[in-house]
Amino acid sequence: MTKRIANYRSSDRAEALGVVLLQLFTAVAPVPRQEDFGIVDAVATLLRRDGRFVHAEDSSLLQFKSRTEKNVKFLGDRVKALVDQELPLFIARVDLTKAELSLYSVGVVLAHPNINDVKGLVVYFDAVRQEIGEILSTSLGPPVLRWSTAELANRDFETTAYTIMREWLEFDRWNRRHRRMGV
């Protein structure tokens, strides 16, 4: 008899639903489990609709978490990999009970002036007092976007989501460029 931890199966379902929800305005390429090094669960490419065609634009990284997760930890080599990463990272928090996804940008936290000096990073979904030391603990702030399966056929929401994501990706790219220059 083959056994598997039930919580892993629930996480797999949350990730699968997250992929479906993100496909509304992105092309999503899940990272195979054997290639998962702890930061990236998928790569998403923003799609711009042009009549009956879509055009691929900016890409970003995704990490999926279930609604029960309170925080995400990046410690040791993971925090260095996160800071050095070229593409923006978003955390997609999936609520299976509501068939809903909340998308959070990690770019806001990476703009912290002490980010290059920390040995770890703990980001919280809920408000938390910021603590700085060897480990930076802070809130991700409100989600960039939140939507459910009800929006999957909503063209207005698709357009809004595309516009918001395009701006966030531009903002994150600007922050990364200027952080490397020490700004």
Protein backbone atom coordinates (compact mmCIF):
# COMPACT_ATOMS: atom_id res chain seq x y z
CA MET A 1 0.00 0.00 0.00
CA THR A 2 1.30 3.46 -0.94
CA LYS A 3 0.93 6.27 1.59
CA ARG A 4 1.10 10.02 1.21
CA ILE A 5 0.68 12.81 3.73
CA ALA A 6 -2.85 14.20 3.32
CA ASN A 7 -1.66 17.80 3.71
CA TYR A 8 0.56 17.40 0.61
CA ARG A 9 -2.45 16.33 -1.43
CA SER A 10 -4.41 19.37 -0.25
CA SER A 11 -1.48 21.60 -1.23
CA ASP A 12 -1.38 19.97 -4.66
CA ARG A 13 -5.08 20.75 -5.16
CA ALA A 14 -4.56 24.36 -4.06
CA GLU A 15 -1.67 24.71 -6.51
CA ALA A 16 -3.75 23.21 -9.35
CA LEU A 17 -6.62 25.62 -8.66
CA GLY A 18 -4.14 28.49 -8.48
CA VAL A 19 -2.81 27.60 -11.94
CA VAL A 20 -6.34 27.57 -13.38
CA LEU A 21 -7.17 30.95 -11.82
CA LEU A 22 -3.92 32.52 -13.07
CA GLN A 23 -4.53 31.26 -16.61
CA LEU A 24 -7.19 33.96 -16.93
CA PHE A 25 -4.49 36.50 -17.84
CA THR A 26 -1.19 34.57 -17.82
CA ALA A 27 0.38 31.53 -19.41
CA VAL A 28 1.49 29.34 -16.49
CA ALA A 29 4.29 26.77 -16.61
CA PRO A 30 4.41 24.73 -13.39
CA VAL A 31 7.87 23.74 -12.19
CA PRO A 32 8.15 19.96 -11.88
CA ARG A 33 8.60 18.82 -8.27
CA GLN A 34 12.08 17.41 -8.97
CA GLU A 35 13.16 20.87 -10.26
CA ASP A 36 11.59 22.80 -7.34
CA PHE A 37 14.37 24.35 -5.26
CA GLY A 38 12.09 25.99 -2.73
CA ILE A 39 11.25 29.37 -4.22
CA VAL A 40 9.45 28.78 -7.50
CA ASP A 41 6.38 26.59 -8.10
CA ALA A 42 5.58 28.08 -11.52
CA VAL A 43 6.56 30.69 -14.06
CA ALA A 44 3.77 32.97 -15.30
CA THR A 45 3.89 35.08 -18.43
CA LEU A 46 1.47 37.98 -18.67
CA LEU A 47 -0.81 37.77 -21.71
CA ARG A 48 -2.13 40.87 -23.47
CA ARG A 49 -5.35 40.28 -25.38
CA ASP A 50 -5.54 41.74 -28.90
CA GLY A 51 -8.84 40.74 -30.47
CA ARG A 52 -8.77 36.99 -30.80
CA PHE A 53 -5.00 36.80 -30.21
CA VAL A 54 -2.91 37.03 -27.06
CA HIS A 55 0.63 38.37 -26.86
CA ALA A 56 3.15 37.13 -24.31
CA GLU A 57 4.76 39.94 -22.29
CA ASP A 58 6.59 40.03 -18.94
CA SER A 59 7.22 36.92 -16.90
CA SER A 60 7.27 36.43 -13.16
CA LEU A 61 7.79 33.64 -10.66
CA LEU A 62 5.06 32.17 -8.49
CA GLN A 63 5.03 30.34 -5.22
CA PHE A 64 1.72 28.79 -4.16
CA LYS A 65 0.54 28.67 -0.56
CA SER A 66 -2.73 27.53 0.94
CA ARG A 67 -5.01 29.81 2.95
CA THR A 68 -3.88 28.13 6.17
CA GLU A 69 -0.28 29.30 5.75
CA LYS A 70 0.41 32.36 7.93
CA ASN A 71 3.86 33.20 6.56
CA VAL A 72 6.57 32.22 4.10
CA LYS A 73 10.18 31.81 5.21
CA PHE A 74 13.27 32.38 3.10
CA LEU A 75 16.31 31.41 5.17
CA GLY A 76 19.99 31.01 4.35
CA ASP A 77 20.63 30.32 0.67
CA ARG A 78 16.93 30.79 -0.14
CA VAL A 79 16.98 34.48 0.86
CA LYS A 80 20.13 35.08 -1.22
CA ALA A 81 18.53 33.30 -4.20
CA LEU A 82 15.41 35.43 -3.75
CA VAL A 83 17.34 38.72 -3.60
CA ASP A 84 19.53 37.77 -6.58
CA GLN A 85 16.58 36.57 -8.67
CA GLU A 86 16.04 38.49 -11.91
CA LEU A 87 12.31 37.90 -12.21
CA PRO A 88 9.70 39.24 -9.77
CA LEU A 89 8.21 36.78 -7.29
CA PHE A 90 4.53 36.66 -6.39
CA ILE A 91 2.99 34.48 -3.75
CA ALA A 92 -0.35 33.05 -4.78
CA ARG A 93 -2.37 32.21 -1.67
CA VAL A 94 -5.16 29.83 -2.62
CA ASP A 95 -8.32 29.35 -0.57
CA LEU A 96 -9.95 26.07 -1.59
CA THR A 97 -13.01 26.80 0.58
CA LYS A 98 -13.84 29.90 -1.51
CA ALA A 99 -12.18 28.85 -4.80
CA GLU A 100 -10.24 32.12 -4.51
CA LEU A 101 -6.69 33.32 -5.10
CA SER A 102 -4.96 36.29 -3.46
CA LEU A 103 -1.79 37.39 -5.23
CA TYR A 104 0.94 39.09 -3.16
CA SER A 105 4.08 40.82 -4.42
CA VAL A 106 7.36 40.03 -2.70
CA GLY A 107 8.91 42.98 -4.56
CA VAL A 108 7.69 45.45 -1.95
CA VAL A 109 9.62 43.60 0.75
CA LEU A 110 12.72 43.30 -1.45
CA ALA A 111 12.78 47.10 -1.70
CA HIS A 112 13.60 47.25 2.03
CA PRO A 113 16.89 49.15 2.51
CA ASN A 114 18.43 46.36 4.67
CA ILE A 115 17.43 43.42 2.46
CA ASN A 116 21.00 42.75 1.27
CA ASP A 117 22.25 42.42 4.86
CA VAL A 118 19.74 39.94 6.29
CA LYS A 119 20.32 36.22 6.75
CA GLY A 120 16.65 35.42 6.46
CA LEU A 121 13.28 36.81 5.52
CA VAL A 122 9.87 35.93 6.96
CA VAL A 123 6.91 37.49 5.17
CA TYR A 124 3.45 37.42 6.73
CA PHE A 125 0.09 37.59 4.99
CA ASP A 126 -1.46 39.48 7.89
CA ALA A 127 -0.25 42.73 9.42
CA VAL A 128 2.80 42.25 11.61
CA ARG A 129 5.18 44.69 13.22
CA GLN A 130 8.35 44.90 11.17
CA GLU A 131 11.38 43.44 12.91
CA ILE A 132 14.88 43.87 11.58
CA GLY A 133 17.91 41.92 12.70
CA GLU A 134 19.57 38.99 11.06
CA ILE A 135 16.07 37.95 9.99
CA LEU A 136 13.71 40.52 8.53
CA SER A 137 10.09 39.83 9.53
CA THR A 138 7.47 41.92 7.80
CA SER A 139 4.03 41.92 6.23
CA LEU A 140 3.46 41.48 2.52
CA GLY A 141 0.73 44.10 2.74
CA PRO A 142 -2.57 43.77 0.93
CA PRO A 143 -2.80 41.50 -2.11
CA VAL A 144 -2.12 42.96 -5.54
CA LEU A 145 -5.20 41.12 -6.81
CA ARG A 146 -7.88 38.82 -5.41
CA TRP A 147 -10.32 36.82 -7.51
CA SER A 148 -12.30 33.60 -7.58
CA THR A 149 -13.56 31.13 -10.15
CA ALA A 150 -16.57 33.43 -10.67
CA GLU A 151 -14.26 35.85 -12.56
CA LEU A 152 -12.95 33.22 -15.00
CA ALA A 153 -15.48 34.23 -17.65
CA ASN A 154 -15.41 37.96 -16.84
CA ARG A 155 -13.64 39.85 -19.67
CA ASP A 156 -13.70 43.13 -17.69
CA PHE A 157 -11.88 41.50 -14.78
CA GLU A 158 -9.37 39.95 -17.19
CA THR A 159 -8.59 43.42 -18.59
CA THR A 160 -8.32 44.93 -15.11
CA ALA A 161 -6.07 42.10 -13.89
CA TYR A 162 -3.79 42.46 -16.92
CA THR A 163 -3.48 46.23 -16.37
CA ILE A 164 -2.72 45.87 -12.65
CA MET A 165 -0.16 43.12 -13.23
CA ARG A 166 1.56 45.07 -16.02
CA GLU A 167 2.01 48.01 -13.63
CA TRP A 168 3.24 45.81 -10.76
CA LEU A 169 5.78 44.09 -13.00
CA GLU A 170 7.06 47.47 -14.18
CA PHE A 171 7.25 48.72 -10.58
CA ASP A 172 9.13 45.61 -9.48
CA ARG A 173 11.58 45.85 -12.39
CA TRP A 174 12.26 49.51 -11.48
CA ASN A 175 12.88 48.55 -7.82
CA ARG A 176 15.28 45.75 -8.75
CA ARG A 177 17.27 47.97 -11.10
CA HIS A 178 17.61 50.73 -8.55
CA ARG A 179 18.38 48.38 -5.63
CA ARG A 180 21.38 47.07 -7.58
CA MET A 181 22.57 50.67 -7.89
CA GLY A 182 22.26 51.11 -4.12
CA VAL A 183 19.13 53.26 -4.29
